[in-house]
Amino acid sequence: MKRYKVRITDRNGFHKEFDDGSFIGGHYGEPIVVTMLLNENEFKALTMFMGQVSELRHDVAAFNLSQCCVLTPWHKRVMCKYFKAFTEQVTIEIL
């Protein structure tokens, strides 16, 4: 079965801009980087979720993938272990 390499990164930071031009930002620690080899069904689900949201909202696609029924129990454990919450700083790369 073909495998697809995917990297999910959470920069573990925050950035908020206000209407007056000021902003606030910071980091909670080192970035979280998880590389997984997804099977064909998992990869199809991920691409479907990524197609449903804009490029700026990979966090929604990652959350939907973590809740998806086609995700193997091992990948669910990996996602739950490393991503306690999905922030807007999440990016998904298909390698």
Protein backbone atom coordinates (compact mmCIF):
# COMPACT_ATOMS: atom_id res chain seq x y z
CA MET A 1 0.00 0.00 0.00
CA LYS A 2 1.30 3.41 -0.91
CA ARG A 3 2.24 5.78 1.91
CA TYR A 4 2.21 9.59 1.87
CA LYS A 5 4.62 11.59 3.99
CA VAL A 6 3.01 14.54 5.76
CA ARG A 7 4.52 17.05 8.20
CA ILE A 8 2.26 18.92 10.64
CA THR A 9 3.91 21.87 12.39
CA ASP A 10 2.61 24.10 15.16
CA ARG A 11 4.87 27.09 15.69
CA ASN A 12 3.59 27.17 19.28
CA GLY A 13 3.15 30.91 19.29
CA PHE A 14 0.55 33.59 18.99
CA HIS A 15 0.17 36.84 17.11
CA LYS A 16 -2.78 39.22 17.37
CA GLU A 17 -3.12 42.50 15.49
CA PHE A 18 -5.54 45.19 16.58
CA ASP A 19 -7.44 47.80 14.55
CA ASP A 20 -5.16 50.63 15.67
CA GLY A 21 -2.10 48.90 14.18
CA SER A 22 -0.68 47.61 17.46
CA PHE A 23 -0.10 43.91 18.03
CA ILE A 24 0.89 41.38 20.66
CA GLY A 25 2.73 38.11 20.16
CA GLY A 26 4.95 35.51 21.76
CA HIS A 27 5.97 31.85 21.93
CA TYR A 28 5.05 29.03 24.30
CA GLY A 29 8.22 27.06 23.63
CA GLU A 30 9.77 25.04 20.85
CA PRO A 31 7.69 24.36 17.73
CA ILE A 32 5.90 21.02 17.57
CA VAL A 33 6.78 19.07 14.41
CA VAL A 34 5.22 15.69 13.63
CA THR A 35 5.98 13.73 10.46
CA MET A 36 3.65 10.85 9.65
CA LEU A 37 3.34 8.31 6.85
CA LEU A 38 -0.36 8.22 6.02
CA ASN A 39 -2.03 5.40 4.13
CA GLU A 40 -4.10 6.16 1.06
CA ASN A 41 -7.44 6.53 2.91
CA GLU A 42 -5.94 8.84 5.55
CA PHE A 43 -4.28 10.95 2.86
CA LYS A 44 -7.52 11.26 0.88
CA ALA A 45 -9.32 12.39 4.05
CA LEU A 46 -6.60 14.96 4.79
CA THR A 47 -6.69 16.41 1.27
CA MET A 48 -10.49 16.57 1.45
CA PHE A 49 -10.32 18.48 4.74
CA MET A 50 -7.62 20.80 3.39
CA GLY A 51 -9.80 21.50 0.34
CA GLN A 52 -12.69 22.54 2.58
CA VAL A 53 -10.73 25.33 4.32
CA SER A 54 -8.49 28.14 3.18
CA GLU A 55 -4.71 27.82 3.31
CA LEU A 56 -4.71 30.01 6.41
CA ARG A 57 -6.81 27.51 8.39
CA HIS A 58 -4.77 24.32 8.37
CA ASP A 59 -5.62 24.01 12.06
CA VAL A 60 -9.22 23.15 11.13
CA ALA A 61 -8.05 20.50 8.64
CA ALA A 62 -5.67 18.99 11.23
CA PHE A 63 -8.43 18.91 13.86
CA ASN A 64 -10.86 17.28 11.42
CA LEU A 65 -8.23 14.69 10.52
CA SER A 66 -7.63 13.91 14.20
CA GLN A 67 -11.36 13.20 14.61
CA CYS A 68 -11.76 11.24 11.36
CA CYS A 69 -12.83 7.59 11.44
CA VAL A 70 -10.29 6.51 8.79
CA LEU A 71 -7.32 7.61 10.93
CA THR A 72 -5.53 4.60 12.42
CA PRO A 73 -5.42 4.30 16.22
CA TRP A 74 -1.64 4.81 16.12
CA HIS A 75 -1.91 8.14 14.27
CA LYS A 76 -4.72 9.23 16.61
CA ARG A 77 -2.44 8.58 19.59
CA VAL A 78 0.41 10.52 17.94
CA MET A 79 -1.86 13.50 17.21
CA CYS A 80 -3.31 13.50 20.74
CA LYS A 81 0.14 13.20 22.34
CA TYR A 82 1.76 16.08 20.49
CA PHE A 83 -1.14 18.42 19.78
CA LYS A 84 -3.05 19.22 22.97
CA ALA A 85 -4.81 21.98 21.03
CA PHE A 86 -4.71 23.13 17.42
CA THR A 87 -3.79 26.81 17.15
CA GLU A 88 -4.02 29.00 14.07
CA GLN A 89 -0.25 28.59 13.70
CA VAL A 90 -0.60 25.00 12.40
CA THR A 91 0.74 24.27 8.92
CA ILE A 92 0.45 21.03 6.94
CA GLU A 93 3.07 20.09 4.35
CA ILE A 94 2.81 17.19 1.94
CA LEU A 95 6.36 15.94 1.40
